[in-house]
Amino acid sequence: MNKKSADISLFILVFGALNLTFLFYEITFFWGNHDWDWVKGTTQVLQLNTGLFEGRYAKFILNVVLFGGQILPLLNTITAFAFLAVGQVLLVNYWGLKSPSSRILTALIPALSPFILGWLFFPINILGNFSAVALVAGGLLLTEKPRVGHKIAAVICFITALGVYPSVMEMLLLCWAARQILLPPTQTKQMFSSLMVIIAALIAFKLILLGLNQAGLVYMGHYNMQTASLSDMFSRLPQTITLMFSQMFVTLPFLPFSLKGAGGLLVVLAFYLSARNLKTLLLWSIMLGATVLSTFLTAVPEETAYMPRVNFYGLNYLYAAAIAILLKQKKLYRNLGLVLGILYLLTSVKQNLEAQKVWYYGKNAEEKLIERVISRIEEQEPPLPITPVIAGEMPLRPRYYANSYMKAAPYLLEAPLMVRHIPSGMFNFYAPTPLFTAHSQISTLTTELYNYLKTATRPWPAPEGMYIDNNYVILLLTQDGIKAIQAQLP
């Protein structure tokens, strides 16, 4: 089979595996809690500048160009999976993988790993974020070309991918370092030539963000835009190094120890067999360090540590690099790598299928809850639209997930479809006319409302868990929510 045919076959395999694994997700048209208005398409439509406030200037280019800013069932996901499959084919070519088993496992492992669930929770994001994989892999291939035009094209690929989601820098550096282990360059100059292109792209990205800030187009207070000071980075270095290793075994929803254990063994074995000199030790240090780069750089590390959609670009591709390295070893270790890789892959598919079941039941349950709340509001007949105030959040998906885990992952399990800071989205989605205003805070505190909040003890579904007057609907969802709102009372 020639190279072109092999690439087409691999694309079909990865693309088919993605669509088969997530078929239920596609046909039930799941979406997350920030997507209500965007899915509806009548009040808001994605535009080129929609993600600009958080520095993600390239986030919705494909959504706008291909679908006019709409989120369409099947087509949205199928197209995103096609870009992800292209990225996997480009990556195995960049890493110079030849054997069919090596190409197939290296392409499938990162594509089907449950880290992908962190992005699938928000279908508005997947076109941009899956295409970023293809941009990074394609750009890395271009860095190996000799002409200046190729280098410039690579920089454009990289800054576009970074403009979708900055954490792609983890994949960028990790895959570059893995290439040097898998295909050692004949000249050091060749290795540094491609590295300089990556550094140039990272500098250009930072300059773009500074320019957007000067123009007043970004909100620097957003966690995505806040970079830690040098002193903060140095002080948190021990914690970041700890995270580098702890992420290998800390479990999350749909990322159990069976999966983390198989992935960790892949990494340990690959390191043992390939880190034979100072150069490869340095390259492994870059790969491992790249997996926690986002957490190291950001001013709010808790927003990115153990976050699956960040790990999708980092730890996920470390596993891919490990299997690629193992499958180039002698027969014993190659066979061991095959067994571990297949185990990781089968566990991934099982977890993805379970996630789709849990998401489906949880979404239905939360929609039923909203129907009950709307019925209570309609009984009172307040003037509409009315301002909602939600105390606490009640994700119902955890009720359908029986397994234990060490760290929560909001976009895998705990994030509710009705969020307290934008509750109007879910309520107004079903209402024939707007039920709620876009505001979600109390601005005028009457004596009656004050007394209600001060003495509240029982959350929904207790009758006293809901209060309605001519200005507000107060919904007390949890005991923690009640305490939080009472703590703000004068």
Protein backbone atom coordinates (compact mmCIF):
# COMPACT_ATOMS: atom_id res chain seq x y z
CA MET A 1 0.00 0.00 0.00
CA ASN A 2 1.45 3.40 -0.99
CA LYS A 3 1.61 6.31 1.45
CA LYS A 4 -1.45 8.12 0.10
CA SER A 5 -3.62 5.01 0.33
CA ALA A 6 -2.30 4.27 3.82
CA ASP A 7 -3.18 7.82 4.95
CA ILE A 8 -6.69 7.62 3.48
CA SER A 9 -7.27 4.23 5.12
CA LEU A 10 -6.08 5.55 8.48
CA PHE A 11 -8.32 8.62 8.18
CA ILE A 12 -11.34 6.41 7.43
CA LEU A 13 -10.51 4.18 10.40
CA VAL A 14 -10.12 7.05 12.91
CA PHE A 15 -13.10 8.97 11.54
CA GLY A 16 -15.26 5.84 11.57
CA ALA A 17 -14.18 4.90 15.11
CA LEU A 18 -15.04 8.39 16.40
CA ASN A 19 -18.48 8.41 14.81
CA LEU A 20 -19.27 4.86 15.90
CA THR A 21 -18.15 5.48 19.50
CA PHE A 22 -20.11 8.74 19.79
CA LEU A 23 -23.09 7.81 17.62
CA PHE A 24 -25.54 8.10 20.53
CA TYR A 25 -24.12 11.55 21.39
CA GLU A 26 -24.60 12.64 17.79
CA ILE A 27 -28.15 11.43 17.27
CA THR A 28 -29.41 12.70 20.65
CA PHE A 29 -27.79 16.10 19.94
CA PHE A 30 -26.40 16.78 23.40
CA TRP A 31 -25.24 20.26 24.36
CA GLY A 32 -23.81 21.91 27.51
CA ASN A 33 -24.89 24.65 29.85
CA HIS A 34 -23.39 27.62 27.98
CA ASP A 35 -24.97 26.53 24.69
CA TRP A 36 -28.68 27.17 25.18
CA ASP A 37 -28.90 30.45 23.25
CA TRP A 38 -26.30 29.42 20.69
CA VAL A 39 -28.12 26.18 19.89
CA LYS A 40 -31.42 28.02 19.56
CA GLY A 41 -29.85 30.25 16.93
CA THR A 42 -32.64 32.82 17.07
CA THR A 43 -31.34 35.10 19.81
CA GLN A 44 -27.61 34.54 19.32
CA VAL A 45 -25.52 33.25 16.43
CA LEU A 46 -21.79 32.55 16.70
CA GLN A 47 -19.67 35.25 15.03
CA LEU A 48 -15.98 35.65 14.31
CA ASN A 49 -15.53 37.90 17.35
CA THR A 50 -17.63 35.84 19.79
CA GLY A 51 -14.61 34.39 21.60
CA LEU A 52 -12.43 37.46 21.23
CA PHE A 53 -13.04 38.78 24.78
CA GLU A 54 -11.07 35.82 26.19
CA GLY A 55 -8.28 36.02 23.62
CA ARG A 56 -9.56 33.11 21.51
CA TYR A 57 -9.62 35.04 18.25
CA ALA A 58 -9.76 31.93 16.02
CA LYS A 59 -12.22 29.90 18.10
CA PHE A 60 -15.30 30.18 15.87
CA ILE A 61 -13.88 30.67 12.38
CA LEU A 62 -15.09 27.28 11.15
CA ASN A 63 -18.49 27.63 12.83
CA VAL A 64 -19.08 30.88 10.95
CA VAL A 65 -17.55 29.89 7.61
CA LEU A 66 -19.11 26.43 7.36
CA PHE A 67 -22.45 26.80 9.14
CA GLY A 68 -23.15 30.51 9.43
CA GLY A 69 -22.64 30.44 13.20
CA GLN A 70 -25.30 27.78 13.77
CA ILE A 71 -24.78 24.51 15.69
CA LEU A 72 -26.31 21.77 13.57
CA PRO A 73 -27.11 18.19 14.66
CA LEU A 74 -24.80 15.52 13.21
CA LEU A 75 -23.10 17.83 10.72
CA ASN A 76 -21.38 19.89 13.42
CA THR A 77 -19.95 16.80 15.14
CA ILE A 78 -19.16 14.83 12.00
CA THR A 79 -17.19 17.76 10.56
CA ALA A 80 -15.30 18.24 13.83
CA PHE A 81 -14.43 14.53 13.94
CA ALA A 82 -13.17 14.76 10.35
CA PHE A 83 -10.72 17.52 11.34
CA LEU A 84 -9.60 15.52 14.37
CA ALA A 85 -9.03 12.43 12.20
CA VAL A 86 -6.98 14.50 9.74
CA GLY A 87 -4.88 15.74 12.65
CA GLN A 88 -4.15 12.19 13.79
CA VAL A 89 -3.04 11.15 10.29
CA LEU A 90 -0.75 14.18 10.03
CA LEU A 91 0.73 13.44 13.45
CA VAL A 92 1.69 9.83 12.71
CA ASN A 93 3.34 11.07 9.52
CA TYR A 94 5.23 13.77 11.45
CA TRP A 95 6.45 11.10 13.84
CA GLY A 96 7.50 8.93 10.89
CA LEU A 97 5.54 5.85 11.94
CA LYS A 98 5.57 3.05 9.35
CA SER A 99 4.07 -0.16 10.73
CA PRO A 100 0.24 -0.45 10.50
CA SER A 101 -0.19 -1.36 14.18
CA SER A 102 1.92 1.61 15.30
CA ARG A 103 0.06 4.05 13.04
CA ILE A 104 -3.38 2.76 14.04
CA LEU A 105 -2.84 2.68 17.81
CA THR A 106 -0.98 6.01 17.89
CA ALA A 107 -3.80 7.66 15.95
CA LEU A 108 -6.70 6.06 17.86
CA ILE A 109 -5.45 6.41 21.45
CA PRO A 110 -5.58 10.24 21.66
CA ALA A 111 -8.67 10.50 19.45
CA LEU A 112 -10.81 8.14 21.57
CA SER A 113 -9.40 8.84 25.04
CA PRO A 114 -12.09 10.12 27.47
CA PHE A 115 -10.19 13.42 27.65
CA ILE A 116 -12.23 14.23 24.53
CA LEU A 117 -15.36 14.39 26.71
CA GLY A 118 -14.16 17.69 28.15
CA TRP A 119 -14.75 19.26 24.74
CA LEU A 120 -17.83 17.31 23.71
CA PHE A 121 -19.80 18.81 26.61
CA PHE A 122 -19.85 22.06 24.59
CA PRO A 123 -20.54 21.37 20.88
CA ILE A 124 -20.00 25.07 20.10
CA ASN A 125 -16.30 24.42 20.81
CA ILE A 126 -15.53 21.20 18.99
CA LEU A 127 -15.07 22.48 15.44
CA GLY A 128 -12.34 24.88 16.49
CA ASN A 129 -10.69 22.70 19.09
CA PHE A 130 -10.51 19.54 17.02
CA SER A 131 -9.27 21.43 13.98
CA ALA A 132 -6.50 22.84 16.22
CA VAL A 133 -5.05 19.30 16.38
CA ALA A 134 -4.75 19.28 12.58
CA LEU A 135 -3.24 22.79 12.60
CA VAL A 136 -0.58 21.79 15.13
CA ALA A 137 0.31 18.52 13.39
CA GLY A 138 0.28 20.15 9.94
CA GLY A 139 2.39 23.05 11.19
CA LEU A 140 4.92 20.67 12.71
CA LEU A 141 5.27 18.90 9.36
CA LEU A 142 5.87 22.28 7.72
CA THR A 143 8.66 23.12 10.18
CA GLU A 144 10.65 20.23 8.71
CA LYS A 145 10.54 21.79 5.24
CA PRO A 146 13.58 23.83 4.15
CA ARG A 147 11.95 26.88 2.57
CA VAL A 148 11.17 30.11 4.42
CA GLY A 149 7.63 30.02 3.04
CA HIS A 150 7.05 26.71 4.78
CA LYS A 151 8.29 28.17 8.08
CA ILE A 152 5.96 31.16 7.74
CA ALA A 153 3.04 28.85 6.94
CA ALA A 154 3.88 26.81 10.06
CA VAL A 155 3.82 29.94 12.22
CA ILE A 156 0.40 30.84 10.79
CA CYS A 157 -0.87 27.33 11.61
CA PHE A 158 0.44 27.60 15.16
CA ILE A 159 -0.91 31.08 15.96
CA THR A 160 -4.28 30.07 14.53
CA ALA A 161 -4.37 26.97 16.76
CA LEU A 162 -3.24 29.01 19.78
CA GLY A 163 -6.01 31.49 18.99
CA VAL A 164 -8.49 28.65 19.33
CA TYR A 165 -7.22 27.49 22.73
CA PRO A 166 -3.84 28.46 24.23
CA SER A 167 -3.28 25.03 25.79
CA VAL A 168 -2.47 23.63 22.35
CA MET A 169 1.05 24.84 23.22
CA GLU A 170 1.30 21.64 25.28
CA MET A 171 0.67 19.46 22.24
CA LEU A 172 2.98 21.63 20.16
CA LEU A 173 6.05 21.24 22.39
CA LEU A 174 5.31 17.65 23.39
CA CYS A 175 4.93 16.38 19.83
CA TRP A 176 8.04 18.25 18.72
CA ALA A 177 10.11 16.62 21.50
CA ALA A 178 8.67 13.17 20.74
CA ARG A 179 9.68 13.59 17.08
CA GLN A 180 13.32 14.06 18.11
CA ILE A 181 13.20 10.74 20.01
CA LEU A 182 11.31 8.82 17.34
CA LEU A 183 13.31 10.23 14.41
CA PRO A 184 16.62 11.54 15.76
CA PRO A 185 17.79 14.35 13.45
CA THR A 186 21.06 13.87 11.60
CA GLN A 187 22.08 17.44 12.46
CA THR A 188 21.46 19.45 15.63
CA LYS A 189 20.82 22.47 13.42
CA GLN A 190 17.79 20.70 11.94
CA MET A 191 16.30 20.15 15.41
CA PHE A 192 16.78 23.75 16.49
CA SER A 193 15.47 25.09 13.19
CA SER A 194 12.03 23.59 13.84
CA LEU A 195 12.15 24.64 17.51
CA MET A 196 12.83 28.25 16.51
CA VAL A 197 9.66 28.24 14.40
CA ILE A 198 7.65 27.10 17.44
CA ILE A 199 9.23 29.77 19.65
CA ALA A 200 8.54 32.42 17.02
CA ALA A 201 4.87 31.37 16.95
CA LEU A 202 4.60 31.54 20.75
CA ILE A 203 6.13 35.01 20.78
CA ALA A 204 3.82 36.13 17.96
CA PHE A 205 0.82 34.78 19.90
CA LYS A 206 1.80 36.77 23.00
CA LEU A 207 2.24 39.91 20.89
CA ILE A 208 -1.21 39.38 19.34
CA LEU A 209 -2.77 39.17 22.81
CA LEU A 210 -0.95 42.33 23.90
CA GLY A 211 -2.19 44.09 20.77
CA LEU A 212 -5.77 42.97 21.40
CA ASN A 213 -5.47 44.20 24.97
CA GLN A 214 -4.19 47.60 23.86
CA ALA A 215 -7.14 47.83 21.47
CA GLY A 216 -9.53 47.05 24.34
CA LEU A 217 -10.84 43.91 22.64
CA VAL A 218 -10.03 41.38 25.36
CA TYR A 219 -10.94 41.08 29.02
CA MET A 220 -7.69 40.59 30.91
CA GLY A 221 -9.57 39.57 34.07
CA HIS A 222 -10.65 36.29 32.46
CA TYR A 223 -8.72 33.29 33.82
CA ASN A 224 -7.75 32.40 30.26
CA MET A 225 -5.92 35.73 29.92
CA GLN A 226 -4.14 35.99 33.27
CA THR A 227 -0.49 34.97 33.25
CA ALA A 228 1.38 34.38 36.51
CA SER A 229 4.27 36.62 37.46
CA LEU A 230 7.80 35.22 37.36
CA SER A 231 7.94 35.09 41.16
CA ASP A 232 4.65 33.16 41.25
CA MET A 233 5.96 30.70 38.67
CA PHE A 234 9.11 30.02 40.67
CA SER A 235 7.18 29.65 43.93
CA ARG A 236 4.75 27.14 42.43
CA LEU A 237 7.45 25.09 40.65
CA PRO A 238 7.42 22.27 43.28
CA GLN A 239 3.61 21.97 43.06
CA THR A 240 3.78 21.94 39.27
CA ILE A 241 6.38 19.16 39.28
CA THR A 242 4.17 17.22 41.68
CA LEU A 243 1.23 17.74 39.32
CA MET A 244 3.34 16.42 36.45
CA PHE A 245 3.44 13.02 38.13
CA SER A 246 0.20 13.01 40.15
CA GLN A 247 -1.89 13.54 37.00
CA MET A 248 -0.72 10.10 35.92
CA PHE A 249 -2.74 8.33 38.62
CA VAL A 250 -5.35 10.80 39.95
CA THR A 251 -8.75 9.53 38.80
CA LEU A 252 -11.63 11.63 37.48
CA PRO A 253 -15.14 10.78 36.29
CA PHE A 254 -14.81 8.45 33.26
CA LEU A 255 -11.03 8.44 33.77
CA PRO A 256 -10.70 5.51 36.20
CA PHE A 257 -7.55 3.88 37.53
CA SER A 258 -7.78 1.11 34.91
CA LEU A 259 -7.31 3.80 32.24
CA LYS A 260 -4.77 5.93 34.10
CA GLY A 261 -2.84 2.79 35.09
CA ALA A 262 -2.54 1.56 31.50
CA GLY A 263 -1.51 5.02 30.32
CA GLY A 264 1.02 5.39 33.14
CA LEU A 265 2.60 2.02 32.34
CA LEU A 266 2.92 3.06 28.70
CA VAL A 267 4.79 6.20 29.75
CA VAL A 268 7.06 4.45 32.28
CA LEU A 269 8.02 1.70 29.83
CA ALA A 270 8.64 4.12 26.97
CA PHE A 271 10.80 6.28 29.23
CA TYR A 272 12.79 3.28 30.47
CA LEU A 273 13.49 2.05 26.94
CA SER A 274 14.29 5.37 25.26
CA ALA A 275 15.84 7.71 27.87
CA ARG A 276 19.37 6.39 27.39
CA ASN A 277 21.45 9.60 27.23
CA LEU A 278 21.39 13.25 28.29
CA LYS A 279 19.72 14.38 25.08
CA THR A 280 16.77 11.98 25.35
CA LEU A 281 16.44 12.76 29.07
CA LEU A 282 16.15 16.44 28.16
CA LEU A 283 13.56 15.66 25.49
CA TRP A 284 11.54 13.60 27.98
CA SER A 285 11.74 16.51 30.43
CA ILE A 286 10.24 18.75 27.75
CA MET A 287 7.46 16.24 27.06
CA LEU A 288 6.60 15.80 30.73
CA GLY A 289 6.87 19.53 31.43
CA ALA A 290 4.67 20.36 28.47
CA THR A 291 1.77 18.41 30.02
CA VAL A 292 1.54 20.94 32.88
CA LEU A 293 2.62 24.07 31.00
CA SER A 294 -0.85 25.67 31.08
CA THR A 295 -1.08 25.29 34.85
CA PHE A 296 2.45 26.61 35.30
CA LEU A 297 1.82 29.76 33.24
CA THR A 298 -1.68 30.75 34.31
CA ALA A 299 -2.38 33.02 37.29
CA VAL A 300 -5.22 30.70 38.37
CA PRO A 301 -3.71 27.18 38.25
CA GLU A 302 -6.76 25.57 39.86
CA GLU A 303 -8.68 26.31 36.63
CA THR A 304 -6.40 24.08 34.56
CA ALA A 305 -4.91 21.45 36.91
CA TYR A 306 -6.40 18.04 36.10
CA MET A 307 -8.80 19.66 33.62
CA PRO A 308 -9.62 17.05 30.92
CA ARG A 309 -9.94 19.54 28.07
CA VAL A 310 -6.45 20.87 28.88
CA ASN A 311 -5.14 17.31 29.29
CA PHE A 312 -6.63 16.56 25.86
CA TYR A 313 -3.67 18.48 24.35
CA GLY A 314 -1.03 17.46 26.89
CA LEU A 315 -1.23 14.19 28.82
CA ASN A 316 -3.33 12.70 26.04
CA TYR A 317 -0.53 13.10 23.49
CA LEU A 318 2.07 11.93 25.99
CA TYR A 319 0.27 8.57 25.94
CA ALA A 320 0.29 8.68 22.13
CA ALA A 321 4.03 9.40 22.10
CA ALA A 322 4.65 6.57 24.57
CA ILE A 323 2.85 3.97 22.44
CA ALA A 324 4.67 5.21 19.33
CA ILE A 325 8.02 4.79 21.09
CA LEU A 326 7.13 1.34 22.49
CA LEU A 327 6.00 -0.02 19.14
CA LYS A 328 9.45 0.76 17.69
CA GLN A 329 11.19 -1.49 20.26
CA LYS A 330 12.19 -5.16 20.10
CA LYS A 331 9.52 -7.86 19.97
CA LEU A 332 9.01 -8.39 23.73
CA TYR A 333 8.47 -4.72 24.55
CA ARG A 334 6.59 -4.14 21.33
CA ASN A 335 4.11 -6.90 22.22
CA LEU A 336 3.77 -5.54 25.75
CA GLY A 337 3.09 -2.11 24.27
CA LEU A 338 0.44 -3.60 21.98
CA VAL A 339 -1.34 -5.23 24.92
CA LEU A 340 -1.28 -2.05 27.03
CA GLY A 341 -2.31 0.10 24.08
CA ILE A 342 -5.26 -2.12 23.20
CA LEU A 343 -6.29 -2.24 26.87
CA TYR A 344 -6.17 1.56 27.05
CA LEU A 345 -8.20 1.83 23.86
CA LEU A 346 -10.90 -0.63 24.93
CA THR A 347 -11.21 1.06 28.34
CA SER A 348 -11.50 4.43 26.60
CA VAL A 349 -14.37 3.27 24.40
CA LYS A 350 -16.20 1.76 27.39
CA GLN A 351 -15.86 4.99 29.38
CA ASN A 352 -17.04 7.12 26.46
CA LEU A 353 -20.13 4.95 26.05
CA GLU A 354 -20.88 5.15 29.75
CA ALA A 355 -20.48 8.94 29.67
CA GLN A 356 -23.05 9.24 26.90
CA LYS A 357 -25.55 7.21 28.95
CA VAL A 358 -24.96 9.29 32.10
CA TRP A 359 -25.15 12.58 30.18
CA TYR A 360 -28.42 11.55 28.55
CA TYR A 361 -30.14 10.57 31.81
CA GLY A 362 -28.78 13.64 33.61
CA LYS A 363 -29.95 16.04 30.90
CA ASN A 364 -33.44 14.54 30.91
CA ALA A 365 -33.64 14.75 34.71
CA GLU A 366 -32.55 18.40 34.79
CA GLU A 367 -35.04 19.31 32.08
CA LYS A 368 -37.81 17.68 34.15
CA LEU A 369 -36.73 19.76 37.14
CA ILE A 370 -37.00 22.93 35.04
CA GLU A 371 -40.50 21.94 33.93
CA ARG A 372 -41.56 21.68 37.59
CA VAL A 373 -40.07 25.10 38.38
CA ILE A 374 -41.79 26.68 35.37
CA SER A 375 -45.12 25.18 36.49
CA ARG A 376 -44.71 26.83 39.90
CA ILE A 377 -43.95 30.18 38.28
CA GLU A 378 -46.96 29.93 35.98
CA GLU A 379 -49.23 29.23 38.97
CA GLN A 380 -48.14 32.51 40.60
CA GLU A 381 -48.55 34.53 37.37
CA PRO A 382 -45.87 37.17 38.10
CA PRO A 383 -45.20 39.90 35.51
CA LEU A 384 -42.83 38.50 32.88
CA PRO A 385 -39.97 38.54 32.15
CA ILE A 386 -38.85 38.27 35.76
CA THR A 387 -35.34 38.23 37.25
CA PRO A 388 -34.08 34.79 38.38
CA VAL A 389 -31.77 34.36 41.37
CA ILE A 390 -30.39 30.84 41.80
CA ALA A 391 -28.70 29.83 45.07
CA GLY A 392 -26.49 26.80 44.51
CA GLU A 393 -26.36 24.43 41.57
CA MET A 394 -27.92 20.99 41.18
CA PRO A 395 -26.24 18.80 38.56
CA LEU A 396 -28.20 15.55 38.33
CA ARG A 397 -25.81 13.55 36.18
CA PRO A 398 -23.82 12.35 39.25
CA ARG A 399 -26.93 10.39 40.32
CA TYR A 400 -26.37 8.10 37.33
CA TYR A 401 -22.62 7.57 37.83
CA ALA A 402 -21.76 4.91 40.40
CA ASN A 403 -17.95 4.86 40.29
CA SER A 404 -15.67 6.72 42.70
CA TYR A 405 -13.00 9.23 41.67
CA MET A 406 -10.39 11.45 43.32
CA LYS A 407 -10.89 14.79 41.54
CA ALA A 408 -14.05 16.38 40.19
CA ALA A 409 -14.20 17.38 36.53
CA PRO A 410 -17.05 19.84 35.92
CA TYR A 411 -17.45 19.33 32.19
CA LEU A 412 -17.41 15.55 32.53
CA LEU A 413 -19.96 15.13 35.31
CA GLU A 414 -20.56 17.90 37.85
CA ALA A 415 -21.47 20.93 35.71
CA PRO A 416 -25.26 21.44 35.77
CA LEU A 417 -27.21 22.33 32.65
CA MET A 418 -28.82 25.15 34.61
CA VAL A 419 -26.02 27.37 35.92
CA ARG A 420 -26.62 29.99 38.59
CA HIS A 421 -24.89 32.86 36.75
CA ILE A 422 -26.89 32.46 33.52
CA PRO A 423 -30.10 30.64 34.50
CA SER A 424 -32.14 32.46 31.84
CA GLY A 425 -30.61 30.30 29.09
CA MET A 426 -32.22 27.01 30.08
CA PHE A 427 -35.55 28.53 31.16
CA ASN A 428 -36.01 30.77 28.14
CA PHE A 429 -35.04 27.98 25.75
CA TYR A 430 -38.39 26.29 26.34
CA ALA A 431 -40.57 29.37 26.92
CA PRO A 432 -42.70 30.74 24.01
CA THR A 433 -41.86 34.24 25.27
CA PRO A 434 -38.94 35.20 27.54
CA LEU A 435 -39.60 33.94 31.05
CA PHE A 436 -36.49 35.38 32.67
CA THR A 437 -34.39 38.49 32.17
CA ALA A 438 -30.69 38.14 31.44
CA HIS A 439 -29.88 39.50 34.93
CA SER A 440 -29.45 37.11 37.84
CA GLN A 441 -28.83 39.28 40.90
CA ILE A 442 -30.96 41.07 43.50
CA SER A 443 -30.80 44.86 43.15
CA THR A 444 -33.74 45.88 45.38
CA LEU A 445 -34.19 44.05 48.68
CA THR A 446 -37.70 44.39 50.15
CA THR A 447 -38.43 43.59 53.80
CA GLU A 448 -40.43 40.51 52.80
CA LEU A 449 -37.65 39.20 50.55
CA TYR A 450 -35.02 39.93 53.22
CA ASN A 451 -36.99 38.01 55.85
CA TYR A 452 -37.48 35.08 53.46
CA LEU A 453 -33.77 34.79 52.69
CA LYS A 454 -32.69 35.33 56.29
CA THR A 455 -34.88 32.52 57.63
CA ALA A 456 -34.57 30.07 54.71
CA THR A 457 -33.52 26.59 55.81
CA ARG A 458 -34.78 24.07 53.25
CA PRO A 459 -33.82 24.00 49.56
CA TRP A 460 -35.83 22.83 46.57
CA PRO A 461 -37.95 20.71 46.21
CA ALA A 462 -39.35 21.85 49.58
CA PRO A 463 -42.19 24.36 48.98
CA GLU A 464 -40.24 27.08 50.83
CA GLY A 465 -37.27 26.50 48.52
CA MET A 466 -38.85 28.90 46.02
CA TYR A 467 -40.00 32.52 46.40
CA ILE A 468 -41.81 34.63 43.82
CA ASP A 469 -42.80 38.30 43.87
CA ASN A 470 -43.29 40.91 41.14
CA ASN A 471 -39.53 41.32 40.62
CA TYR A 472 -37.77 38.05 41.37
CA VAL A 473 -37.94 34.30 41.33
CA ILE A 474 -35.64 33.00 44.05
CA LEU A 475 -34.73 29.31 43.72
CA LEU A 476 -32.76 27.81 46.59
CA LEU A 477 -31.27 24.63 45.15
CA THR A 478 -28.80 23.50 47.84
CA GLN A 479 -27.91 24.07 51.49
CA ASP A 480 -24.57 25.51 50.41
CA GLY A 481 -26.43 27.91 48.12
CA ILE A 482 -28.64 29.03 51.01
CA LYS A 483 -25.58 29.72 53.19
CA ALA A 484 -23.85 31.61 50.37
CA ILE A 485 -26.80 33.92 49.70
CA GLN A 486 -27.39 34.52 53.44
CA ALA A 487 -23.72 35.46 53.85
CA GLN A 488 -24.28 38.33 51.39
CA LEU A 489 -27.25 39.80 53.24
CA PRO A 490 -26.71 43.15 55.00
